[in-house]
Protein backbone atom coordinates (compact mmCIF):
# COMPACT_ATOMS: atom_id res chain seq x y z
CA UNK A 1 117.43 129.52 153.15
CA UNK A 2 115.89 129.03 156.55
CA UNK A 3 117.57 129.75 159.82
CA UNK A 4 116.97 127.42 162.73
CA UNK A 5 117.08 128.42 166.33
CA UNK A 6 118.96 126.31 168.80
CA UNK A 7 117.23 123.44 170.62
CA UNK A 8 114.66 124.33 173.17
CA UNK A 9 115.94 123.45 176.61
CA UNK A 10 114.70 120.12 177.74
CA UNK A 11 112.79 119.22 174.56
CA UNK A 12 115.54 118.06 172.20
CA UNK A 13 113.74 119.49 169.21
CA UNK A 14 114.58 122.46 167.04
CA UNK A 15 112.10 124.96 165.83
CA UNK A 16 112.13 127.22 162.81
CA UNK A 17 113.11 130.78 163.72
CA UNK A 18 110.83 133.59 162.73
CA UNK A 19 112.48 135.52 159.91
CA UNK A 20 111.28 138.79 161.41
CA UNK A 21 113.08 138.26 164.70
CA UNK A 22 116.28 136.51 163.55
CA UNK A 23 119.34 138.80 163.33
CA UNK A 24 121.16 138.60 160.00
CA UNK A 25 124.71 137.31 160.11
CA UNK A 26 127.17 140.13 159.46
CA UNK A 27 130.03 137.98 158.26
CA UNK A 28 130.40 134.26 157.72
CA UNK A 29 133.83 133.99 159.43
CA UNK A 30 134.22 133.79 163.17
CA UNK A 31 135.64 136.80 164.97
CA UNK A 32 139.16 135.38 165.63
CA UNK A 33 139.57 134.55 161.93
CA UNK A 34 138.54 138.10 160.99
CA UNK A 35 141.12 139.55 163.40
CA UNK A 36 143.83 137.29 161.97
CA UNK A 37 142.93 138.31 158.41
CA UNK A 38 143.05 142.02 159.32
CA UNK A 39 146.45 141.57 161.04
CA UNK A 40 147.87 139.72 158.01
CA UNK A 41 146.60 142.45 155.68
CA UNK A 42 148.27 145.17 157.77
CA UNK A 43 151.57 143.26 157.97
CA UNK A 44 151.51 142.67 154.18
CA UNK A 45 150.85 146.37 153.48
CA UNK A 46 153.70 147.44 155.75
CA UNK A 47 156.04 144.90 154.14
CA UNK A 48 155.20 146.06 150.62
CA UNK A 49 155.60 149.69 151.62
CA UNK A 50 159.01 149.00 153.14
CA UNK A 51 160.16 146.94 150.16
CA UNK A 52 159.20 149.69 147.72
CA UNK A 53 161.49 152.22 149.41
CA UNK A 54 164.90 152.44 147.82
CA UNK A 55 167.89 153.49 149.81
CA UNK A 56 170.47 155.37 147.80
CA UNK A 57 173.88 156.26 149.10
CA UNK A 58 175.38 159.73 148.75
CA UNK A 59 175.96 160.59 145.11
CA UNK A 60 173.87 157.68 143.85
CA UNK A 61 170.81 158.09 141.69
CA UNK A 62 168.25 155.88 140.08
CA UNK A 63 169.20 154.44 136.72
CA UNK A 64 167.90 156.55 133.84
CA UNK A 65 165.11 155.06 131.76
CA UNK A 66 166.26 153.28 128.62
CA UNK A 67 166.59 155.49 125.57
CA UNK A 68 164.40 154.96 122.55
CA UNK A 69 166.80 155.21 119.63
CA UNK A 70 165.74 154.18 116.18
CA UNK A 71 166.55 154.68 112.54
CA UNK A 72 163.89 156.41 110.43
CA UNK A 73 164.87 154.24 107.45
CA UNK A 74 164.57 150.82 109.09
CA UNK A 75 162.15 151.17 112.03
CA UNK A 76 158.76 149.45 111.62
CA UNK A 77 155.72 151.68 111.31
CA UNK A 78 154.34 150.79 114.77
CA UNK A 79 157.68 151.78 116.33
CA UNK A 80 157.74 155.11 114.46
CA UNK A 81 154.34 155.81 115.98
CA UNK A 82 155.91 155.73 119.46
CA UNK A 83 157.95 158.86 118.70
CA UNK A 84 156.64 162.08 120.25
CA UNK A 85 154.32 164.14 118.02
CA UNK A 86 154.29 161.41 115.32
CA UNK A 87 150.81 160.18 114.49
CA UNK A 88 149.55 157.50 112.09
CA UNK A 89 149.30 159.87 109.11
CA UNK A 90 152.88 161.07 109.53
CA UNK A 91 154.10 157.49 109.98
CA UNK A 92 152.44 156.51 106.69
CA UNK A 93 154.14 159.43 104.91
CA UNK A 94 157.56 158.59 106.34
CA UNK A 95 157.23 154.93 105.34
CA UNK A 96 156.11 155.82 101.80
CA UNK A 97 158.94 158.30 101.27
CA UNK A 98 161.69 156.08 102.69
CA UNK A 99 160.44 153.22 100.49
CA UNK A 100 161.10 155.41 97.44
CA UNK A 101 164.51 156.63 98.62
CA UNK A 102 166.11 156.36 102.10
CA UNK A 103 166.32 159.48 104.22
CA UNK A 104 169.85 160.84 104.57
CA UNK A 105 169.42 163.36 107.42
CA UNK A 106 166.81 165.14 109.45
CA UNK A 107 167.06 168.05 107.02
CA UNK A 108 166.30 165.66 104.18
CA UNK A 109 163.39 164.17 106.16
CA UNK A 110 162.00 167.63 106.90
CA UNK A 111 162.25 168.64 103.25
CA UNK A 112 160.71 165.46 101.86
CA UNK A 113 158.04 164.49 104.42
CA UNK A 114 155.00 166.78 104.40
CA UNK A 115 153.88 167.59 107.93
CA UNK A 116 157.31 167.04 109.50
CA UNK A 117 158.02 170.54 110.76
CA UNK A 118 160.75 172.14 112.83
CA UNK A 119 159.02 171.45 116.18
CA UNK A 120 158.45 167.76 115.41
CA UNK A 121 162.03 167.34 114.17
CA UNK A 122 163.34 168.95 117.36
CA UNK A 123 161.30 166.52 119.48
CA UNK A 124 162.24 163.34 117.60
CA UNK A 125 165.95 164.18 117.11
CA UNK A 126 167.05 162.84 120.53
CA UNK A 127 165.38 159.50 119.76
CA UNK A 128 167.15 158.84 116.47
CA UNK A 129 170.12 156.52 116.10
CA UNK A 130 173.55 157.92 115.34
CA UNK A 131 173.55 156.75 111.72
CA UNK A 132 171.12 159.51 110.71
CA UNK A 133 172.75 162.97 110.86
CA UNK A 134 170.92 165.30 113.24
CA UNK A 135 171.07 168.50 111.20
CA UNK A 136 167.90 170.57 111.35
CA UNK A 137 166.63 172.09 108.13
CA UNK A 138 166.23 175.83 108.37
CA UNK A 139 169.28 176.44 110.58
CA UNK A 140 171.74 178.70 108.79
CA UNK A 141 174.72 176.83 110.22
CA UNK A 142 173.60 173.35 109.23
CA UNK A 143 171.85 173.82 105.89
CA UNK A 144 173.33 171.72 103.13
CA UNK A 145 174.44 173.71 100.09
CA UNK A 146 171.75 174.12 97.48
CA UNK A 147 172.36 172.13 94.37
CA UNK A 148 171.56 173.54 91.00
CA UNK A 149 169.05 171.60 89.00
CA UNK A 150 170.30 170.51 85.61
CA UNK A 151 168.83 172.51 82.79
CA UNK A 152 166.91 170.83 80.03
CA UNK A 153 167.89 171.06 76.39
CA UNK A 154 164.87 173.21 75.61
CA UNK A 155 165.73 175.69 78.34
CA UNK A 156 169.38 175.76 77.23
CA UNK A 157 168.36 176.44 73.61
CA UNK A 158 166.06 179.25 74.75
CA UNK A 159 168.83 180.84 76.83
CA UNK A 160 171.25 180.53 73.92
CA UNK A 161 168.76 182.09 71.54
CA UNK A 162 168.11 184.99 73.91
CA UNK A 163 171.82 185.57 74.44
CA UNK A 164 172.44 185.55 70.68
CA UNK A 165 169.61 187.98 69.98
CA UNK A 166 170.89 190.33 72.71
CA UNK A 167 174.40 190.24 71.24
CA UNK A 168 173.09 191.11 67.75
CA UNK A 169 171.67 194.42 68.94
C-alpha cells in the first residue's frame, strides 16, 4: 500500500511519498473517536463494577448454593462421578453392585463396594438423599447386628457327628 503526500501548493498534482520519510499511522481512528471510545469503556467498567456489588441489610446473607442430593441406587453414573472423592472406577463398582442388589444404607454400601472407605463415606454422606440411611459402617453405635449365616447340611452333619463322638467318651 502506498501513501500519498498532499498536493503540492500551486501545482494541483500529488506525488508519491518516500516510504523512508513518511510517518506510520499509529491508529486508524481520529483522536476524538479514540477519546470517546476510552470514555465509554471507563463508564462501562464503572457500571459493571457497581452492578456487581450486592447490598445486604442487617442480618441478611447470600442464598446458600443448591445442595447436591442424590440416591446411590438411582443416580446415573455421570452424576455419581460429581460426588467428592468418587472417581470413574468407584462409580463403575457402585453401578455394578447396585444392579445386582440395591444398596440399603451407607454401611451396606461400604461393606459391598470395594474402595468405598470411611473417609469417602463421610464426604459423600451429606450429598445423599434422605431415602438412604446415613449410618456409617464401623461406628459402634450404628452397626447393624451381625446375622448368622445358615449352616449347610454337611456342616450340620459334621457338628452332629462330633457332638455324638464327644458324648460317647
